[in-house]
Amino acid sequence: MATHRILAEEFVSVSEMRKHPADYFTDRPIAVMNKNQTAGYMVGKELFESMVDLIKQLQPQEEFTAKFQPFLTQLKAATKGSYEFFANAKEEEPEDFIE
């Protein structure tokens, strides 16, 4: 039988967490369990921000890029179609556009 690491003192099942998810955003990590295995962890805003700040301090700035922050290339790709549409639009075409 394999053992699984749980890096929190508290845990909650996925089904229980779904009932009131905001209850589990705390100043301590809470393991979210699915079929008796750790599926992930819930942490509050302050703890998460502290963790990201600590990671940034431990790594050289040019090497740290958080995966949850969009890269410039992703932003350019996401907006490329909109830019091309408006750049090539004739004055009468974007009638429905409201700023």
PDB file of N, CA and C in Angstrom:
ATOM      1  N   MET A   1       0.836  -1.178   0.000  1.00  0.00           N
ATOM      2  CA  MET A   1       0.000   0.000   0.000  1.00  0.00           C
ATOM      3  C   MET A   1       0.886   1.247   0.000  1.00  0.00           C
ATOM      4  N   ALA A   2       0.649   2.125  -0.936  1.00  0.00           N
ATOM      5  CA  ALA A   2       1.443   3.345  -1.063  1.00  0.00           C
ATOM      6  C   ALA A   2       0.992   4.387  -0.051  1.00  0.00           C
ATOM      7  N   THR A   3       1.942   5.157   0.417  1.00  0.00           N
ATOM      8  CA  THR A   3       1.604   6.261   1.307  1.00  0.00           C
ATOM      9  C   THR A   3       1.638   7.555   0.522  1.00  0.00           C
ATOM     10  N   HIS A   4       0.855   8.525   0.959  1.00  0.00           N
ATOM     11  CA  HIS A   4       0.767   9.806   0.276  1.00  0.00           C
ATOM     12  C   HIS A   4       1.093  10.920   1.253  1.00  0.00           C
ATOM     13  N   ARG A   5       1.852  11.894   0.796  1.00  0.00           N
ATOM     14  CA  ARG A   5       2.184  13.038   1.635  1.00  0.00           C
ATOM     15  C   ARG A   5       0.989  13.962   1.755  1.00  0.00           C
ATOM     16  N   ILE A   6       0.743  14.425   2.965  1.00  0.00           N
ATOM     17  CA  ILE A   6      -0.249  15.461   3.202  1.00  0.00           C
ATOM     18  C   ILE A   6       0.487  16.570   3.931  1.00  0.00           C
ATOM     19  N   LEU A   7       0.664  17.701   3.279  1.00  0.00           N
ATOM     20  CA  LEU A   7       1.458  18.790   3.827  1.00  0.00           C
ATOM     21  C   LEU A   7       0.578  19.826   4.521  1.00  0.00           C
ATOM     22  N   ALA A   8      -0.379  19.342   5.307  1.00  0.00           N
ATOM     23  CA  ALA A   8      -1.259  20.223   6.062  1.00  0.00           C
ATOM     24  C   ALA A   8      -1.772  19.463   7.281  1.00  0.00           C
ATOM     25  N   GLU A   9      -2.102  20.210   8.313  1.00  0.00           N
ATOM     26  CA  GLU A   9      -2.628  19.575   9.517  1.00  0.00           C
ATOM     27  C   GLU A   9      -4.129  19.323   9.425  1.00  0.00           C
ATOM     28  N   GLU A  10      -4.791  20.037   8.532  1.00  0.00           N
ATOM     29  CA  GLU A  10      -6.232  19.867   8.344  1.00  0.00           C
ATOM     30  C   GLU A  10      -6.507  19.386   6.926  1.00  0.00           C
ATOM     31  N   PHE A  11      -7.627  18.706   6.765  1.00  0.00           N
ATOM     32  CA  PHE A  11      -8.015  18.277   5.431  1.00  0.00           C
ATOM     33  C   PHE A  11      -9.526  18.295   5.311  1.00  0.00           C
ATOM     34  N   VAL A  12      -9.987  18.315   4.064  1.00  0.00           N
ATOM     35  CA  VAL A  12     -11.413  18.324   3.753  1.00  0.00           C
ATOM     36  C   VAL A  12     -11.605  17.545   2.461  1.00  0.00           C
ATOM     37  N   SER A  13     -12.727  16.875   2.330  1.00  0.00           N
ATOM     38  CA  SER A  13     -13.008  16.148   1.093  1.00  0.00           C
ATOM     39  C   SER A  13     -13.453  17.144   0.020  1.00  0.00           C
ATOM     40  N   VAL A  14     -13.271  16.768  -1.225  1.00  0.00           N
ATOM     41  CA  VAL A  14     -13.688  17.616  -2.335  1.00  0.00           C
ATOM     42  C   VAL A  14     -15.180  17.899  -2.242  1.00  0.00           C
ATOM     43  N   SER A  15     -15.977  16.889  -1.966  1.00  0.00           N
ATOM     44  CA  SER A  15     -17.427  17.088  -1.919  1.00  0.00           C
ATOM     45  C   SER A  15     -17.832  18.028  -0.783  1.00  0.00           C
ATOM     46  N   GLU A  16     -17.162  17.959   0.351  1.00  0.00           N
ATOM     47  CA  GLU A  16     -17.468  18.860   1.465  1.00  0.00           C
ATOM     48  C   GLU A  16     -16.993  20.280   1.152  1.00  0.00           C
ATOM     49  N   MET A  17     -15.849  20.392   0.529  1.00  0.00           N
ATOM     50  CA  MET A  17     -15.306  21.707   0.177  1.00  0.00           C
ATOM     51  C   MET A  17     -16.212  22.435  -0.813  1.00  0.00           C
ATOM     52  N   ARG A  18     -16.842  21.699  -1.717  1.00  0.00           N
ATOM     53  CA  ARG A  18     -17.724  22.303  -2.720  1.00  0.00           C
ATOM     54  C   ARG A  18     -18.930  22.996  -2.091  1.00  0.00           C
ATOM     55  N   LYS A  19     -19.357  22.549  -0.936  1.00  0.00           N
ATOM     56  CA  LYS A  19     -20.534  23.129  -0.281  1.00  0.00           C
ATOM     57  C   LYS A  19     -20.286  24.571   0.164  1.00  0.00           C
ATOM     58  N   HIS A  20     -19.114  24.844   0.716  1.00  0.00           N
ATOM     59  CA  HIS A  20     -18.770  26.181   1.215  1.00  0.00           C
ATOM     60  C   HIS A  20     -17.289  26.447   0.975  1.00  0.00           C
ATOM     61  N   PRO A  21     -16.869  26.634  -0.286  1.00  0.00           N
ATOM     62  CA  PRO A  21     -15.437  26.761  -0.577  1.00  0.00           C
ATOM     63  C   PRO A  21     -14.765  27.930   0.137  1.00  0.00           C
ATOM     64  N   ALA A  22     -15.458  29.032   0.345  1.00  0.00           N
ATOM     65  CA  ALA A  22     -14.836  30.198   0.977  1.00  0.00           C
ATOM     66  C   ALA A  22     -14.416  29.911   2.417  1.00  0.00           C
ATOM     67  N   ASP A  23     -15.013  28.925   3.039  1.00  0.00           N
ATOM     68  CA  ASP A  23     -14.647  28.568   4.416  1.00  0.00           C
ATOM     69  C   ASP A  23     -13.226  28.021   4.516  1.00  0.00           C
ATOM     70  N   TYR A  24     -12.666  27.609   3.412  1.00  0.00           N
ATOM     71  CA  TYR A  24     -11.364  26.951   3.440  1.00  0.00           C
ATOM     72  C   TYR A  24     -10.217  27.836   2.964  1.00  0.00           C
ATOM     73  N   PHE A  25     -10.497  29.111   2.703  1.00  0.00           N
ATOM     74  CA  PHE A  25      -9.433  30.076   2.398  1.00  0.00           C
ATOM     75  C   PHE A  25      -8.986  30.669   3.728  1.00  0.00           C
ATOM     76  N   THR A  26      -7.981  30.059   4.333  1.00  0.00           N
ATOM     77  CA  THR A  26      -7.555  30.446   5.667  1.00  0.00           C
ATOM     78  C   THR A  26      -6.076  30.816   5.680  1.00  0.00           C
ATOM     79  N   ASP A  27      -5.574  31.150   6.867  1.00  0.00           N
ATOM     80  CA  ASP A  27      -4.159  31.510   7.000  1.00  0.00           C
ATOM     81  C   ASP A  27      -3.270  30.289   7.202  1.00  0.00           C
ATOM     82  N   ARG A  28      -3.811  29.121   6.975  1.00  0.00           N
ATOM     83  CA  ARG A  28      -3.049  27.873   7.060  1.00  0.00           C
ATOM     84  C   ARG A  28      -3.499  26.973   5.900  1.00  0.00           C
ATOM     85  N   PRO A  29      -2.635  26.131   5.386  1.00  0.00           N
ATOM     86  CA  PRO A  29      -3.042  25.264   4.271  1.00  0.00           C
ATOM     87  C   PRO A  29      -4.014  24.186   4.735  1.00  0.00           C
ATOM     88  N   ILE A  30      -4.968  23.884   3.879  1.00  0.00           N
ATOM     89  CA  ILE A  30      -5.925  22.802   4.129  1.00  0.00           C
ATOM     90  C   ILE A  30      -5.852  21.865   2.929  1.00  0.00           C
ATOM     91  N   ALA A  31      -5.557  20.605   3.188  1.00  0.00           N
ATOM     92  CA  ALA A  31      -5.469  19.617   2.112  1.00  0.00           C
ATOM     93  C   ALA A  31      -6.870  19.257   1.633  1.00  0.00           C
ATOM     94  N   VAL A  32      -7.046  19.234   0.331  1.00  0.00           N
ATOM     95  CA  VAL A  32      -8.315  18.829  -0.272  1.00  0.00           C
ATOM     96  C   VAL A  32      -8.124  17.406  -0.763  1.00  0.00           C
ATOM     97  N   MET A  33      -8.935  16.500  -0.228  1.00  0.00           N
ATOM     98  CA  MET A  33      -8.779  15.081  -0.517  1.00  0.00           C
ATOM     99  C   MET A  33      -9.815  14.602  -1.533  1.00  0.00           C
ATOM    100  N   ASN A  34      -9.373  13.736  -2.432  1.00  0.00           N
ATOM    101  CA  ASN A  34     -10.247  13.093  -3.403  1.00  0.00           C
ATOM    102  C   ASN A  34      -9.877  11.617  -3.440  1.00  0.00           C
ATOM    103  N   LYS A  35     -10.801  10.769  -3.066  1.00  0.00           N
ATOM    104  CA  LYS A  35     -10.568   9.323  -3.027  1.00  0.00           C
ATOM    105  C   LYS A  35      -9.349   8.989  -2.162  1.00  0.00           C
ATOM    106  N   ASN A  36      -9.286   9.620  -0.992  1.00  0.00           N
ATOM    107  CA  ASN A  36      -8.223   9.403  -0.009  1.00  0.00           C
ATOM    108  C   ASN A  36      -6.828   9.777  -0.507  1.00  0.00           C
ATOM    109  N   GLN A  37      -6.757  10.655  -1.479  1.00  0.00           N
ATOM    110  CA  GLN A  37      -5.478  11.174  -1.950  1.00  0.00           C
ATOM    111  C   GLN A  37      -5.556  12.700  -1.979  1.00  0.00           C
ATOM    112  N   THR A  38      -4.432  13.328  -1.748  1.00  0.00           N
ATOM    113  CA  THR A  38      -4.401  14.785  -1.782  1.00  0.00           C
ATOM    114  C   THR A  38      -4.558  15.275  -3.213  1.00  0.00           C
ATOM    115  N   ALA A  39      -5.632  16.018  -3.457  1.00  0.00           N
ATOM    116  CA  ALA A  39      -5.887  16.567  -4.785  1.00  0.00           C
ATOM    117  C   ALA A  39      -5.272  17.959  -4.923  1.00  0.00           C
ATOM    118  N   GLY A  40      -5.131  18.659  -3.803  1.00  0.00           N
ATOM    119  CA  GLY A  40      -4.582  20.011  -3.831  1.00  0.00           C
ATOM    120  C   GLY A  40      -4.687  20.628  -2.452  1.00  0.00           C
ATOM    121  N   TYR A  41      -4.405  21.902  -2.379  1.00  0.00           N
ATOM    122  CA  TYR A  41      -4.429  22.615  -1.103  1.00  0.00           C
ATOM    123  C   TYR A  41      -5.196  23.916  -1.258  1.00  0.00           C
ATOM    124  N   MET A  42      -5.912  24.287  -0.244  1.00  0.00           N
ATOM    125  CA  MET A  42      -6.612  25.570  -0.192  1.00  0.00           C
ATOM    126  C   MET A  42      -5.823  26.464   0.760  1.00  0.00           C
ATOM    127  N   VAL A  43      -5.560  27.669   0.328  1.00  0.00           N
ATOM    128  CA  VAL A  43      -4.889  28.651   1.182  1.00  0.00           C
ATOM    129  C   VAL A  43      -5.553  29.999   0.962  1.00  0.00           C
ATOM    130  N   GLY A  44      -5.473  30.849   1.955  1.00  0.00           N
ATOM    131  CA  GLY A  44      -6.024  32.189   1.849  1.00  0.00           C
ATOM    132  C   GLY A  44      -5.127  33.114   1.054  1.00  0.00           C
ATOM    133  N   LYS A  45      -5.652  34.279   0.749  1.00  0.00           N
ATOM    134  CA  LYS A  45      -4.950  35.276  -0.051  1.00  0.00           C
ATOM    135  C   LYS A  45      -3.617  35.674   0.567  1.00  0.00           C
ATOM    136  N   GLU A  46      -3.608  35.983   1.836  1.00  0.00           N
ATOM    137  CA  GLU A  46      -2.381  36.446   2.480  1.00  0.00           C
ATOM    138  C   GLU A  46      -1.298  35.373   2.464  1.00  0.00           C
ATOM    139  N   LEU A  47      -1.663  34.132   2.765  1.00  0.00           N
ATOM    140  CA  LEU A  47      -0.690  33.048   2.758  1.00  0.00           C
ATOM    141  C   LEU A  47      -0.152  32.814   1.357  1.00  0.00           C
ATOM    142  N   PHE A  48      -1.022  32.824   0.368  1.00  0.00           N
ATOM    143  CA  PHE A  48      -0.588  32.608  -1.008  1.00  0.00           C
ATOM    144  C   PHE A  48       0.380  33.704  -1.445  1.00  0.00           C
ATOM    145  N   GLU A  49       0.039  34.957  -1.171  1.00  0.00           N
ATOM    146  CA  GLU A  49       0.913  36.063  -1.549  1.00  0.00           C
ATOM    147  C   GLU A  49       2.259  35.961  -0.835  1.00  0.00           C
ATOM    148  N   SER A  50       2.259  35.549   0.432  1.00  0.00           N
ATOM    149  CA  SER A  50       3.514  35.365   1.174  1.00  0.00           C
ATOM    150  C   SER A  50       4.365  34.268   0.546  1.00  0.00           C
ATOM    151  N   MET A  51       3.722  33.195   0.111  1.00  0.00           N
ATOM    152  CA  MET A  51       4.443  32.099  -0.517  1.00  0.00           C
ATOM    153  C   MET A  51       5.086  32.550  -1.830  1.00  0.00           C
ATOM    154  N   VAL A  52       4.349  33.304  -2.639  1.00  0.00           N
ATOM    155  CA  VAL A  52       4.886  33.798  -3.908  1.00  0.00           C
ATOM    156  C   VAL A  52       6.043  34.753  -3.642  1.00  0.00           C
ATOM    157  N   ASP A  53       5.898  35.638  -2.654  1.00  0.00           N
ATOM    158  CA  ASP A  53       6.990  36.559  -2.315  1.00  0.00           C
ATOM    159  C   ASP A  53       8.238  35.805  -1.884  1.00  0.00           C
ATOM    160  N   LEU A  54       8.056  34.749  -1.109  1.00  0.00           N
ATOM    161  CA  LEU A  54       9.197  33.947  -0.656  1.00  0.00           C
ATOM    162  C   LEU A  54       9.888  33.258  -1.829  1.00  0.00           C
ATOM    163  N   ILE A  55       9.111  32.715  -2.736  1.00  0.00           N
ATOM    164  CA  ILE A  55       9.687  32.069  -3.920  1.00  0.00           C
ATOM    165  C   ILE A  55      10.464  33.083  -4.741  1.00  0.00           C
ATOM    166  N   LYS A  56       9.919  34.281  -4.908  1.00  0.00           N
ATOM    167  CA  LYS A  56      10.619  35.328  -5.664  1.00  0.00           C
ATOM    168  C   LYS A  56      11.950  35.681  -5.006  1.00  0.00           C
ATOM    169  N   GLN A  57      11.986  35.719  -3.669  1.00  0.00           N
ATOM    170  CA  GLN A  57      13.216  36.045  -2.953  1.00  0.00           C
ATOM    171  C   GLN A  57      14.271  34.955  -3.118  1.00  0.00           C
ATOM    172  N   LEU A  58      13.848  33.713  -3.218  1.00  0.00           N
ATOM    173  CA  LEU A  58      14.776  32.595  -3.300  1.00  0.00           C
ATOM    174  C   LEU A  58      15.341  32.370  -4.695  1.00  0.00           C
ATOM    175  N   GLN A  59      14.689  32.921  -5.704  1.00  0.00           N
ATOM    176  CA  GLN A  59      15.141  32.737  -7.078  1.00  0.00           C
ATOM    177  C   GLN A  59      15.557  34.073  -7.673  1.00  0.00           C
ATOM    178  N   PRO A  60      16.528  34.053  -8.566  1.00  0.00           N
ATOM    179  CA  PRO A  60      16.880  35.293  -9.259  1.00  0.00           C
ATOM    180  C   PRO A  60      15.661  35.824 -10.010  1.00  0.00           C
ATOM    181  N   GLN A  61      15.478  37.121  -9.980  1.00  0.00           N
ATOM    182  CA  GLN A  61      14.271  37.733 -10.558  1.00  0.00           C
ATOM    183  C   GLN A  61      14.052  37.356 -12.016  1.00  0.00           C
ATOM    184  N   GLU A  62      15.131  37.296 -12.808  1.00  0.00           N
ATOM    185  CA  GLU A  62      14.949  36.995 -14.219  1.00  0.00           C
ATOM    186  C   GLU A  62      14.520  35.551 -14.462  1.00  0.00           C
ATOM    187  N   GLU A  63      14.700  34.675 -13.488  1.00  0.00           N
ATOM    188  CA  GLU A  63      14.307  33.277 -13.654  1.00  0.00           C
ATOM    189  C   GLU A  63      12.900  33.005 -13.160  1.00  0.00           C
ATOM    190  N   PHE A  64      12.340  33.869 -12.331  1.00  0.00           N
ATOM    191  CA  PHE A  64      11.028  33.595 -11.741  1.00  0.00           C
ATOM    192  C   PHE A  64       9.914  34.156 -12.606  1.00  0.00           C
ATOM    193  N   THR A  65       9.065  33.277 -13.088  1.00  0.00           N
ATOM    194  CA  THR A  65       7.850  33.668 -13.782  1.00  0.00           C
ATOM    195  C   THR A  65       6.748  32.758 -13.272  1.00  0.00           C
ATOM    196  N   ALA A  66       5.799  33.328 -12.569  1.00  0.00           N
ATOM    197  CA  ALA A  66       4.710  32.526 -12.029  1.00  0.00           C
ATOM    198  C   ALA A  66       3.820  32.037 -13.162  1.00  0.00           C
ATOM    199  N   LYS A  67       3.356  30.811 -13.064  1.00  0.00           N
ATOM    200  CA  LYS A  67       2.547  30.229 -14.133  1.00  0.00           C
ATOM    201  C   LYS A  67       1.152  30.838 -14.200  1.00  0.00           C
ATOM    202  N   PHE A  68       0.706  31.450 -13.128  1.00  0.00           N
ATOM    203  CA  PHE A  68      -0.638  32.026 -13.119  1.00  0.00           C
ATOM    204  C   PHE A  68      -0.655  33.440 -13.670  1.00  0.00           C
ATOM    205  N   GLN A  69       0.494  33.998 -13.995  1.00  0.00           N
ATOM    206  CA  GLN A  69       0.563  35.322 -14.594  1.00  0.00           C
ATOM    207  C   GLN A  69       0.746  35.146 -16.095  1.00  0.00           C
ATOM    208  N   PRO A  70      -0.077  35.808 -16.914  1.00  0.00           N
ATOM    209  CA  PRO A  70       0.053  35.612 -18.359  1.00  0.00           C
ATOM    210  C   PRO A  70       1.357  36.190 -18.894  1.00  0.00           C
ATOM    211  N   PHE A  71       1.942  35.465 -19.803  1.00  0.00           N
ATOM    212  CA  PHE A  71       3.140  35.922 -20.471  1.00  0.00           C
ATOM    213  C   PHE A  71       2.736  36.939 -21.535  1.00  0.00           C
ATOM    214  N   LEU A  72       3.644  37.808 -21.889  1.00  0.00           N
ATOM    215  CA  LEU A  72       3.367  38.810 -22.914  1.00  0.00           C
ATOM    216  C   LEU A  72       2.945  38.155 -24.223  1.00  0.00           C
ATOM    217  N   THR A  73       3.579  37.043 -24.580  1.00  0.00           N
ATOM    218  CA  THR A  73       3.217  36.365 -25.834  1.00  0.00           C
ATOM    219  C   THR A  73       1.796  35.815 -25.771  1.00  0.00           C
ATOM    220  N   GLN A  74       1.372  35.345 -24.582  1.00  0.00           N
ATOM    221  CA  GLN A  74      -0.001  34.856 -24.433  1.00  0.00           C
ATOM    222  C   GLN A  74      -1.000  36.001 -24.571  1.00  0.00           C
ATOM    223  N   LEU A  75      -0.677  37.148 -23.989  1.00  0.00           N
ATOM    224  CA  LEU A  75      -1.553  38.314 -24.105  1.00  0.00           C
ATOM    225  C   LEU A  75      -1.646  38.787 -25.553  1.00  0.00           C
ATOM    226  N   LYS A  76      -0.515  38.802 -26.245  1.00  0.00           N
ATOM    227  CA  LYS A  76      -0.527  39.216 -27.652  1.00  0.00           C
ATOM    228  C   LYS A  76      -1.371  38.254 -28.484  1.00  0.00           C
ATOM    229  N   ALA A  77      -1.232  36.953 -28.236  1.00  0.00           N
ATOM    230  CA  ALA A  77      -2.004  35.963 -28.986  1.00  0.00           C
ATOM    231  C   ALA A  77      -3.495  36.105 -28.700  1.00  0.00           C
ATOM    232  N   ALA A  78      -3.833  36.369 -27.445  1.00  0.00           N
ATOM    233  CA  ALA A  78      -5.241  36.480 -27.061  1.00  0.00           C
ATOM    234  C   ALA A  78      -5.899  37.715 -27.668  1.00  0.00           C
ATOM    235  N   THR A  79      -5.131  38.770 -27.880  1.00  0.00           N
ATOM    236  CA  THR A  79      -5.709  40.017 -28.397  1.00  0.00           C
ATOM    237  C   THR A  79      -5.451  40.237 -29.883  1.00  0.00           C
ATOM    238  N   LYS A  80      -4.724  39.328 -30.527  1.00  0.00           N
ATOM    239  CA  LYS A  80      -4.353  39.507 -31.933  1.00  0.00           C
ATOM    240  C   LYS A  80      -5.578  39.673 -32.831  1.00  0.00           C
ATOM    241  N   GLY A  81      -6.571  38.820 -32.668  1.00  0.00           N
ATOM    242  CA  GLY A  81      -7.762  38.893 -33.513  1.00  0.00           C
ATOM    243  C   GLY A  81      -8.500  40.211 -33.345  1.00  0.00           C
ATOM    244  N   SER A  82      -8.616  40.686 -32.117  1.00  0.00           N
ATOM    245  CA  SER A  82      -9.293  41.958 -31.857  1.00  0.00           C
ATOM    246  C   SER A  82      -8.534  43.114 -32.479  1.00  0.00           C
ATOM    247  N   TYR A  83      -7.212  43.105 -32.323  1.00  0.00           N
ATOM    248  CA  TYR A  83      -6.391  44.179 -32.890  1.00  0.00           C
ATOM    249  C   TYR A  83      -6.542  44.215 -34.406  1.00  0.00           C
ATOM    250  N   GLU A  84      -6.438  43.049 -35.040  1.00  0.00           N
ATOM    251  CA  GLU A  84      -6.547  42.995 -36.499  1.00  0.00           C
ATOM    252  C   GLU A  84      -7.924  43.452 -36.964  1.00  0.00           C
ATOM    253  N   PHE A  85      -8.967  43.075 -36.234  1.00  0.00           N
ATOM    254  CA  PHE A  85     -10.323  43.475 -36.610  1.00  0.00           C
ATOM    255  C   PHE A  85     -10.461  44.991 -36.596  1.00  0.00           C
ATOM    256  N   PHE A  86     -10.047  45.613 -35.504  1.00  0.00           N
ATOM    257  CA  PHE A  86     -10.204  47.055 -35.397  1.00  0.00           C
ATOM    258  C   PHE A  86      -9.210  47.826 -36.270  1.00  0.00           C
ATOM    259  N   ALA A  87      -8.039  47.273 -36.475  1.00  0.00           N
ATOM    260  CA  ALA A  87      -7.058  47.943 -37.322  1.00  0.00           C
ATOM    261  C   ALA A  87      -7.513  47.967 -38.781  1.00  0.00           C
ATOM    262  N   ASN A  88      -8.220  46.933 -39.198  1.00  0.00           N
ATOM    263  CA  ASN A  88      -8.661  46.825 -40.595  1.00  0.00           C
ATOM    264  C   ASN A  88     -10.114  47.218 -40.802  1.00  0.00           C
ATOM    265  N   ALA A  89     -10.805  47.593 -39.753  1.00  0.00           N
ATOM    266  CA  ALA A  89     -12.236  47.911 -39.860  1.00  0.00           C
ATOM    267  C   ALA A  89     -12.444  49.261 -40.538  1.00  0.00           C
ATOM    268  N   LYS A  90     -13.497  49.308 -41.302  1.00  0.00           N
ATOM    269  CA  LYS A  90     -13.894  50.577 -41.894  1.00  0.00           C
ATOM    270  C   LYS A  90     -14.753  51.309 -40.869  1.00  0.00           C
ATOM    271  N   GLU A  91     -14.853  52.586 -41.012  1.00  0.00           N
ATOM    272  CA  GLU A  91     -15.537  53.406 -40.005  1.00  0.00           C
ATOM    273  C   GLU A  91     -16.966  52.941 -39.737  1.00  0.00           C
ATOM    274  N   GLU A  92     -17.649  52.438 -40.739  1.00  0.00           N
ATOM    275  CA  GLU A  92     -19.049  52.043 -40.558  1.00  0.00           C
ATOM    276  C   GLU A  92     -19.213  50.629 -39.990  1.00  0.00           C
ATOM    277  N   GLU A  93     -18.169  49.804 -39.944  1.00  0.00           N
ATOM    278  CA  GLU A  93     -18.290  48.411 -39.515  1.00  0.00           C
ATOM    279  C   GLU A  93     -18.502  48.210 -38.006  1.00  0.00           C
ATOM    280  N   PRO A  94     -17.674  48.762 -37.143  1.00  0.00           N
ATOM    281  CA  PRO A  94     -17.848  48.427 -35.709  1.00  0.00           C
ATOM    282  C   PRO A  94     -18.954  49.248 -35.046  1.00  0.00           C
ATOM    283  N   GLU A  95     -20.174  49.196 -35.622  1.00  0.00           N
ATOM    284  CA  GLU A  95     -21.289  49.958 -35.073  1.00  0.00           C
ATOM    285  C   GLU A  95     -21.674  49.504 -33.670  1.00  0.00           C
ATOM    286  N   ASP A  96     -21.569  48.208 -33.406  1.00  0.00           N
ATOM    287  CA  ASP A  96     -21.996  47.684 -32.115  1.00  0.00           C
ATOM    288  C   ASP A  96     -20.958  47.892 -31.019  1.00  0.00           C
ATOM    289  N   PHE A  97     -19.774  48.350 -31.390  1.00  0.00           N
ATOM    290  CA  PHE A  97     -18.725  48.520 -30.397  1.00  0.00           C
ATOM    291  C   PHE A  97     -19.004  49.758 -29.546  1.00  0.00           C
ATOM    292  N   ILE A  98     -18.999  49.552 -28.243  1.00  0.00           N
ATOM    293  CA  ILE A  98     -19.203  50.662 -27.299  1.00  0.00           C
ATOM    294  C   ILE A  98     -18.031  50.651 -26.347  1.00  0.00           C
ATOM    295  N   GLU A  99     -17.405  51.770 -26.181  1.00  0.00           N
ATOM    296  CA  GLU A  99     -16.251  51.868 -25.292  1.00  0.00           C
ATOM    297  C   GLU A  99     -16.707  52.137 -23.873  1.00  0.00           C
TER     298      GLU A  99
END
